[in-house]
Amino acid sequence: MIRMNIMMPEDLAEHLKTVPNKSRYIAEALGQRILRERSQKLRELLREAYAESAVEDRVVERAWSSTLDDGGFGA
């Protein structure tokens, strides 16, 4: 553990006056924020990967669709 001095708005400081273990309270709140930010970043990366995969899938589908048209299967 390390000790930190931080600045915050007065309304938050007033609320913290009622909290028994301020350090744990702040650490948990910060941990939840970091987790949300990491989850959001992962969702963005997945969205990008799915979009790229969809483009690749369309290219492959076009390449293979000609084999169906020239009597390969189902003709």
PDB file of N, CA and C in Angstrom:
ATOM      1  N   MET A   1       0.844  -1.180   0.000  1.00  0.00           N
ATOM      2  CA  MET A   1       0.000   0.000   0.000  1.00  0.00           C
ATOM      3  C   MET A   1       0.887   1.241   0.000  1.00  0.00           C
ATOM      4  N   ILE A   2       0.374   2.266  -0.665  1.00  0.00           N
ATOM      5  CA  ILE A   2       1.057   3.556  -0.632  1.00  0.00           C
ATOM      6  C   ILE A   2       0.077   4.615  -0.143  1.00  0.00           C
ATOM      7  N   ARG A   3       0.624   5.681   0.374  1.00  0.00           N
ATOM      8  CA  ARG A   3      -0.196   6.787   0.849  1.00  0.00           C
ATOM      9  C   ARG A   3      -0.227   7.849  -0.240  1.00  0.00           C
ATOM     10  N   MET A   4      -1.427   8.406  -0.492  1.00  0.00           N
ATOM     11  CA  MET A   4      -1.579   9.441  -1.517  1.00  0.00           C
ATOM     12  C   MET A   4      -2.380  10.605  -0.953  1.00  0.00           C
ATOM     13  N   ASN A   5      -2.039  11.775  -1.393  1.00  0.00           N
ATOM     14  CA  ASN A   5      -2.863  12.952  -1.120  1.00  0.00           C
ATOM     15  C   ASN A   5      -3.587  13.287  -2.410  1.00  0.00           C
ATOM     16  N   ILE A   6      -4.904  13.444  -2.340  1.00  0.00           N
ATOM     17  CA  ILE A   6      -5.669  13.723  -3.553  1.00  0.00           C
ATOM     18  C   ILE A   6      -6.549  14.955  -3.334  1.00  0.00           C
ATOM     19  N   MET A   7      -6.937  15.560  -4.411  1.00  0.00           N
ATOM     20  CA  MET A   7      -7.867  16.691  -4.392  1.00  0.00           C
ATOM     21  C   MET A   7      -9.204  16.174  -4.907  1.00  0.00           C
ATOM     22  N   MET A   8     -10.305  16.700  -4.342  1.00  0.00           N
ATOM     23  CA  MET A   8     -11.630  16.304  -4.794  1.00  0.00           C
ATOM     24  C   MET A   8     -12.613  17.427  -4.506  1.00  0.00           C
ATOM     25  N   PRO A   9     -13.735  17.412  -5.202  1.00  0.00           N
ATOM     26  CA  PRO A   9     -14.759  18.420  -4.949  1.00  0.00           C
ATOM     27  C   PRO A   9     -15.278  18.323  -3.504  1.00  0.00           C
ATOM     28  N   GLU A  10     -15.701  19.450  -2.978  1.00  0.00           N
ATOM     29  CA  GLU A  10     -16.151  19.505  -1.590  1.00  0.00           C
ATOM     30  C   GLU A  10     -17.319  18.570  -1.308  1.00  0.00           C
ATOM     31  N   ASP A  11     -18.255  18.428  -2.269  1.00  0.00           N
ATOM     32  CA  ASP A  11     -19.406  17.563  -2.013  1.00  0.00           C
ATOM     33  C   ASP A  11     -18.993  16.110  -1.825  1.00  0.00           C
ATOM     34  N   LEU A  12     -17.978  15.664  -2.560  1.00  0.00           N
ATOM     35  CA  LEU A  12     -17.481  14.302  -2.374  1.00  0.00           C
ATOM     36  C   LEU A  12     -16.775  14.166  -1.027  1.00  0.00           C
ATOM     37  N   ALA A  13     -16.005  15.175  -0.668  1.00  0.00           N
ATOM     38  CA  ALA A  13     -15.312  15.143   0.620  1.00  0.00           C
ATOM     39  C   ALA A  13     -16.316  15.107   1.767  1.00  0.00           C
ATOM     40  N   GLU A  14     -17.411  15.821   1.626  1.00  0.00           N
ATOM     41  CA  GLU A  14     -18.457  15.798   2.654  1.00  0.00           C
ATOM     42  C   GLU A  14     -19.044  14.401   2.790  1.00  0.00           C
ATOM     43  N   HIS A  15     -19.295  13.757   1.678  1.00  0.00           N
ATOM     44  CA  HIS A  15     -19.819  12.388   1.723  1.00  0.00           C
ATOM     45  C   HIS A  15     -18.830  11.452   2.405  1.00  0.00           C
ATOM     46  N   LEU A  16     -17.542  11.597   2.084  1.00  0.00           N
ATOM     47  CA  LEU A  16     -16.531  10.714   2.658  1.00  0.00           C
ATOM     48  C   LEU A  16     -16.432  10.848   4.175  1.00  0.00           C
ATOM     49  N   LYS A  17     -16.849  11.984   4.718  1.00  0.00           N
ATOM     50  CA  LYS A  17     -16.814  12.157   6.170  1.00  0.00           C
ATOM     51  C   LYS A  17     -17.686  11.118   6.872  1.00  0.00           C
ATOM     52  N   THR A  18     -18.690  10.605   6.165  1.00  0.00           N
ATOM     53  CA  THR A  18     -19.606   9.630   6.769  1.00  0.00           C
ATOM     54  C   THR A  18     -19.160   8.189   6.546  1.00  0.00           C
ATOM     55  N   VAL A  19     -18.114   7.992   5.766  1.00  0.00           N
ATOM     56  CA  VAL A  19     -17.650   6.645   5.414  1.00  0.00           C
ATOM     57  C   VAL A  19     -16.601   6.188   6.428  1.00  0.00           C
ATOM     58  N   PRO A  20     -16.806   5.014   7.039  1.00  0.00           N
ATOM     59  CA  PRO A  20     -15.863   4.549   8.067  1.00  0.00           C
ATOM     60  C   PRO A  20     -14.448   4.276   7.552  1.00  0.00           C
ATOM     61  N   ASN A  21     -14.298   3.540   6.460  1.00  0.00           N
ATOM     62  CA  ASN A  21     -12.975   3.202   5.935  1.00  0.00           C
ATOM     63  C   ASN A  21     -12.813   3.883   4.576  1.00  0.00           C
ATOM     64  N   LYS A  22     -12.389   5.126   4.613  1.00  0.00           N
ATOM     65  CA  LYS A  22     -12.312   5.951   3.402  1.00  0.00           C
ATOM     66  C   LYS A  22     -11.376   5.357   2.353  1.00  0.00           C
ATOM     67  N   SER A  23     -10.234   4.848   2.789  1.00  0.00           N
ATOM     68  CA  SER A  23      -9.257   4.291   1.835  1.00  0.00           C
ATOM     69  C   SER A  23      -9.852   3.120   1.073  1.00  0.00           C
ATOM     70  N   ARG A  24     -10.485   2.194   1.787  1.00  0.00           N
ATOM     71  CA  ARG A  24     -11.074   1.040   1.117  1.00  0.00           C
ATOM     72  C   ARG A  24     -12.213   1.479   0.195  1.00  0.00           C
ATOM     73  N   TYR A  25     -13.028   2.411   0.650  1.00  0.00           N
ATOM     74  CA  TYR A  25     -14.152   2.922  -0.135  1.00  0.00           C
ATOM     75  C   TYR A  25     -13.665   3.509  -1.456  1.00  0.00           C
ATOM     76  N   ILE A  26     -12.639   4.352  -1.378  1.00  0.00           N
ATOM     77  CA  ILE A  26     -12.094   4.983  -2.589  1.00  0.00           C
ATOM     78  C   ILE A  26     -11.437   3.940  -3.486  1.00  0.00           C
ATOM     79  N   ALA A  27     -10.694   3.001  -2.898  1.00  0.00           N
ATOM     80  CA  ALA A  27     -10.023   1.965  -3.688  1.00  0.00           C
ATOM     81  C   ALA A  27     -11.038   1.096  -4.424  1.00  0.00           C
ATOM     82  N   GLU A  28     -12.132   0.738  -3.754  1.00  0.00           N
ATOM     83  CA  GLU A  28     -13.164  -0.079  -4.406  1.00  0.00           C
ATOM     84  C   GLU A  28     -13.843   0.684  -5.535  1.00  0.00           C
ATOM     85  N   ALA A  29     -14.141   1.960  -5.288  1.00  0.00           N
ATOM     86  CA  ALA A  29     -14.780   2.778  -6.325  1.00  0.00           C
ATOM     87  C   ALA A  29     -13.860   2.920  -7.539  1.00  0.00           C
ATOM     88  N   LEU A  30     -12.596   3.156  -7.294  1.00  0.00           N
ATOM     89  CA  LEU A  30     -11.633   3.289  -8.388  1.00  0.00           C
ATOM     90  C   LEU A  30     -11.463   1.968  -9.127  1.00  0.00           C
ATOM     91  N   GLY A  31     -11.423   0.865  -8.369  1.00  0.00           N
ATOM     92  CA  GLY A  31     -11.312  -0.453  -8.997  1.00  0.00           C
ATOM     93  C   GLY A  31     -12.490  -0.742  -9.915  1.00  0.00           C
ATOM     94  N   GLN A  32     -13.702  -0.382  -9.477  1.00  0.00           N
ATOM     95  CA  GLN A  32     -14.890  -0.584 -10.317  1.00  0.00           C
ATOM     96  C   GLN A  32     -14.814   0.271 -11.573  1.00  0.00           C
ATOM     97  N   ARG A  33     -14.342   1.493 -11.448  1.00  0.00           N
ATOM     98  CA  ARG A  33     -14.208   2.372 -12.618  1.00  0.00           C
ATOM     99  C   ARG A  33     -13.214   1.798 -13.616  1.00  0.00           C
ATOM    100  N   ILE A  34     -12.075   1.320 -13.113  1.00  0.00           N
ATOM    101  CA  ILE A  34     -11.053   0.737 -13.988  1.00  0.00           C
ATOM    102  C   ILE A  34     -11.596  -0.502 -14.690  1.00  0.00           C
ATOM    103  N   LEU A  35     -12.321  -1.334 -13.967  1.00  0.00           N
ATOM    104  CA  LEU A  35     -12.919  -2.530 -14.560  1.00  0.00           C
ATOM    105  C   LEU A  35     -13.897  -2.166 -15.674  1.00  0.00           C
ATOM    106  N   ARG A  36     -14.735  -1.155 -15.441  1.00  0.00           N
ATOM    107  CA  ARG A  36     -15.677  -0.700 -16.488  1.00  0.00           C
ATOM    108  C   ARG A  36     -14.932  -0.214 -17.717  1.00  0.00           C
ATOM    109  N   GLU A  37     -13.865   0.568 -17.512  1.00  0.00           N
ATOM    110  CA  GLU A  37     -13.098   1.096 -18.645  1.00  0.00           C
ATOM    111  C   GLU A  37     -12.433  -0.032 -19.436  1.00  0.00           C
ATOM    112  N   ARG A  38     -11.879  -1.014 -18.732  1.00  0.00           N
ATOM    113  CA  ARG A  38     -11.249  -2.155 -19.422  1.00  0.00           C
ATOM    114  C   ARG A  38     -12.287  -2.964 -20.189  1.00  0.00           C
ATOM    115  N   SER A  39     -13.450  -3.167 -19.584  1.00  0.00           N
ATOM    116  CA  SER A  39     -14.518  -3.914 -20.261  1.00  0.00           C
ATOM    117  C   SER A  39     -14.976  -3.180 -21.511  1.00  0.00           C
ATOM    118  N   GLN A  40     -15.110  -1.866 -21.411  1.00  0.00           N
ATOM    119  CA  GLN A  40     -15.521  -1.072 -22.572  1.00  0.00           C
ATOM    120  C   GLN A  40     -14.487  -1.183 -23.686  1.00  0.00           C
ATOM    121  N   LYS A  41     -13.208  -1.121 -23.328  1.00  0.00           N
ATOM    122  CA  LYS A  41     -12.142  -1.236 -24.326  1.00  0.00           C
ATOM    123  C   LYS A  41     -12.181  -2.610 -25.002  1.00  0.00           C
ATOM    124  N   LEU A  42     -12.402  -3.662 -24.214  1.00  0.00           N
ATOM    125  CA  LEU A  42     -12.499  -5.004 -24.797  1.00  0.00           C
ATOM    126  C   LEU A  42     -13.697  -5.115 -25.736  1.00  0.00           C
ATOM    127  N   ARG A  43     -14.836  -4.515 -25.350  1.00  0.00           N
ATOM    128  CA  ARG A  43     -16.008  -4.533 -26.237  1.00  0.00           C
ATOM    129  C   ARG A  43     -15.707  -3.828 -27.553  1.00  0.00           C
ATOM    130  N   GLU A  44     -14.986  -2.707 -27.482  1.00  0.00           N
ATOM    131  CA  GLU A  44     -14.617  -1.988 -28.705  1.00  0.00           C
ATOM    132  C   GLU A  44     -13.700  -2.843 -29.578  1.00  0.00           C
ATOM    133  N   LEU A  45     -12.724  -3.510 -28.961  1.00  0.00           N
ATOM    134  CA  LEU A  45     -11.817  -4.374 -29.729  1.00  0.00           C
ATOM    135  C   LEU A  45     -12.570  -5.529 -30.374  1.00  0.00           C
ATOM    136  N   LEU A  46     -13.516  -6.125 -29.641  1.00  0.00           N
ATOM    137  CA  LEU A  46     -14.323  -7.206 -30.209  1.00  0.00           C
ATOM    138  C   LEU A  46     -15.170  -6.709 -31.364  1.00  0.00           C
ATOM    139  N   ARG A  47     -15.776  -5.540 -31.214  1.00  0.00           N
ATOM    140  CA  ARG A  47     -16.595  -4.971 -32.280  1.00  0.00           C
ATOM    141  C   ARG A  47     -15.763  -4.797 -33.549  1.00  0.00           C
ATOM    142  N   GLU A  48     -14.538  -4.263 -33.383  1.00  0.00           N
ATOM    143  CA  GLU A  48     -13.649  -4.075 -34.533  1.00  0.00           C
ATOM    144  C   GLU A  48     -13.272  -5.419 -35.157  1.00  0.00           C
ATOM    145  N   ALA A  49     -12.967  -6.408 -34.315  1.00  0.00           N
ATOM    146  CA  ALA A  49     -12.580  -7.722 -34.831  1.00  0.00           C
ATOM    147  C   ALA A  49     -13.740  -8.381 -35.573  1.00  0.00           C
ATOM    148  N   TYR A  50     -14.954  -8.265 -35.027  1.00  0.00           N
ATOM    149  CA  TYR A  50     -16.122  -8.834 -35.709  1.00  0.00           C
ATOM    150  C   TYR A  50     -16.352  -8.151 -37.056  1.00  0.00           C
ATOM    151  N   ALA A  51     -16.167  -6.838 -37.106  1.00  0.00           N
ATOM    152  CA  ALA A  51     -16.349  -6.114 -38.370  1.00  0.00           C
ATOM    153  C   ALA A  51     -15.323  -6.576 -39.403  1.00  0.00           C
ATOM    154  N   GLU A  52     -14.066  -6.728 -38.989  1.00  0.00           N
ATOM    155  CA  GLU A  52     -13.029  -7.206 -39.909  1.00  0.00           C
ATOM    156  C   GLU A  52     -13.324  -8.629 -40.367  1.00  0.00           C
ATOM    157  N   SER A  53     -13.770  -9.448 -39.454  1.00  0.00           N
ATOM    158  CA  SER A  53     -14.099 -10.833 -39.783  1.00  0.00           C
ATOM    159  C   SER A  53     -15.250 -10.896 -40.781  1.00  0.00           C
ATOM    160  N   ALA A  54     -16.233 -10.017 -40.615  1.00  0.00           N
ATOM    161  CA  ALA A  54     -17.363  -9.998 -41.542  1.00  0.00           C
ATOM    162  C   ALA A  54     -16.907  -9.648 -42.955  1.00  0.00           C
ATOM    163  N   VAL A  55     -15.982  -8.719 -43.067  1.00  0.00           N
ATOM    164  CA  VAL A  55     -15.449  -8.355 -44.384  1.00  0.00           C
ATOM    165  C   VAL A  55     -14.722  -9.557 -44.991  1.00  0.00           C
ATOM    166  N   GLU A  56     -13.886 -10.209 -44.197  1.00  0.00           N
ATOM    167  CA  GLU A  56     -13.166 -11.385 -44.688  1.00  0.00           C
ATOM    168  C   GLU A  56     -14.139 -12.494 -45.088  1.00  0.00           C
ATOM    169  N   ASP A  57     -15.185 -12.688 -44.297  1.00  0.00           N
ATOM    170  CA  ASP A  57     -16.180 -13.714 -44.615  1.00  0.00           C
ATOM    171  C   ASP A  57     -16.857 -13.437 -45.961  1.00  0.00           C
ATOM    172  N   ARG A  58     -17.162 -12.165 -46.222  1.00  0.00           N
ATOM    173  CA  ARG A  58     -17.799 -11.828 -47.511  1.00  0.00           C
ATOM    174  C   ARG A  58     -16.865 -12.092 -48.678  1.00  0.00           C
ATOM    175  N   VAL A  59     -15.586 -11.819 -48.495  1.00  0.00           N
ATOM    176  CA  VAL A  59     -14.602 -12.076 -49.557  1.00  0.00           C
ATOM    177  C   VAL A  59     -14.518 -13.579 -49.832  1.00  0.00           C
ATOM    178  N   VAL A  60     -14.433 -14.376 -48.791  1.00  0.00           N
ATOM    179  CA  VAL A  60     -14.351 -15.834 -48.951  1.00  0.00           C
ATOM    180  C   VAL A  60     -15.638 -16.365 -49.581  1.00  0.00           C
ATOM    181  N   GLU A  61     -16.777 -15.854 -49.126  1.00  0.00           N
ATOM    182  CA  GLU A  61     -18.064 -16.303 -49.677  1.00  0.00           C
ATOM    183  C   GLU A  61     -18.143 -16.003 -51.165  1.00  0.00           C
ATOM    184  N   ARG A  62     -17.694 -14.829 -51.585  1.00  0.00           N
ATOM    185  CA  ARG A  62     -17.710 -14.488 -53.012  1.00  0.00           C
ATOM    186  C   ARG A  62     -16.793 -15.421 -53.801  1.00  0.00           C
ATOM    187  N   ALA A  63     -15.631 -15.722 -53.226  1.00  0.00           N
ATOM    188  CA  ALA A  63     -14.682 -16.587 -53.923  1.00  0.00           C
ATOM    189  C   ALA A  63     -15.250 -17.991 -54.099  1.00  0.00           C
ATOM    190  N   TRP A  64     -15.967 -18.502 -53.118  1.00  0.00           N
ATOM    191  CA  TRP A  64     -16.495 -19.849 -53.182  1.00  0.00           C
ATOM    192  C   TRP A  64     -17.860 -19.916 -53.866  1.00  0.00           C
ATOM    193  N   SER A  65     -18.540 -18.807 -53.977  1.00  0.00           N
ATOM    194  CA  SER A  65     -19.872 -18.862 -54.589  1.00  0.00           C
ATOM    195  C   SER A  65     -19.804 -19.277 -56.052  1.00  0.00           C
ATOM    196  N   SER A  66     -18.711 -18.994 -56.724  1.00  0.00           N
ATOM    197  CA  SER A  66     -18.587 -19.384 -58.130  1.00  0.00           C
ATOM    198  C   SER A  66     -18.522 -20.903 -58.274  1.00  0.00           C
ATOM    199  N   THR A  67     -18.009 -21.592 -57.271  1.00  0.00           N
ATOM    200  CA  THR A  67     -17.963 -23.057 -57.380  1.00  0.00           C
ATOM    201  C   THR A  67     -19.364 -23.655 -57.332  1.00  0.00           C
ATOM    202  N   LEU A  68     -20.265 -23.003 -56.641  1.00  0.00           N
ATOM    203  CA  LEU A  68     -21.650 -23.474 -56.619  1.00  0.00           C
ATOM    204  C   LEU A  68     -22.326 -23.185 -57.960  1.00  0.00           C
ATOM    205  N   ASP A  69     -21.977 -22.052 -58.557  1.00  0.00           N
ATOM    206  CA  ASP A  69     -22.614 -21.650 -59.809  1.00  0.00           C
ATOM    207  C   ASP A  69     -22.140 -22.492 -61.013  1.00  0.00           C
ATOM    208  N   ASP A  70     -20.946 -23.047 -60.963  1.00  0.00           N
ATOM    209  CA  ASP A  70     -20.443 -23.789 -62.119  1.00  0.00           C
ATOM    210  C   ASP A  70     -20.631 -25.307 -61.972  1.00  0.00           C
ATOM    211  N   GLY A  71     -21.575 -25.707 -61.165  1.00  0.00           N
ATOM    212  CA  GLY A  71     -21.920 -27.135 -61.102  1.00  0.00           C
ATOM    213  C   GLY A  71     -21.213 -27.910 -60.019  1.00  0.00           C
ATOM    214  N   GLY A  72     -20.596 -27.244 -59.060  1.00  0.00           N
ATOM    215  CA  GLY A  72     -19.875 -27.947 -57.993  1.00  0.00           C
ATOM    216  C   GLY A  72     -20.824 -28.755 -57.118  1.00  0.00           C
ATOM    217  N   PHE A  73     -21.722 -28.111 -56.424  1.00  0.00           N
ATOM    218  CA  PHE A  73     -22.645 -28.804 -55.529  1.00  0.00           C
ATOM    219  C   PHE A  73     -24.050 -28.350 -55.824  1.00  0.00           C
ATOM    220  N   GLY A  74     -24.973 -29.223 -55.593  1.00  0.00           N
ATOM    221  CA  GLY A  74     -26.385 -28.869 -55.687  1.00  0.00           C
ATOM    222  C   GLY A  74     -26.876 -28.569 -57.079  1.00  0.00           C
ATOM    223  N   ALA A  75     -26.111 -28.887 -58.094  1.00  0.00           N
ATOM    224  CA  ALA A  75     -26.535 -28.573 -59.460  1.00  0.00           C
ATOM    225  C   ALA A  75     -27.350 -29.687 -60.060  1.00  0.00           C
TER     226      ALA A  75
END
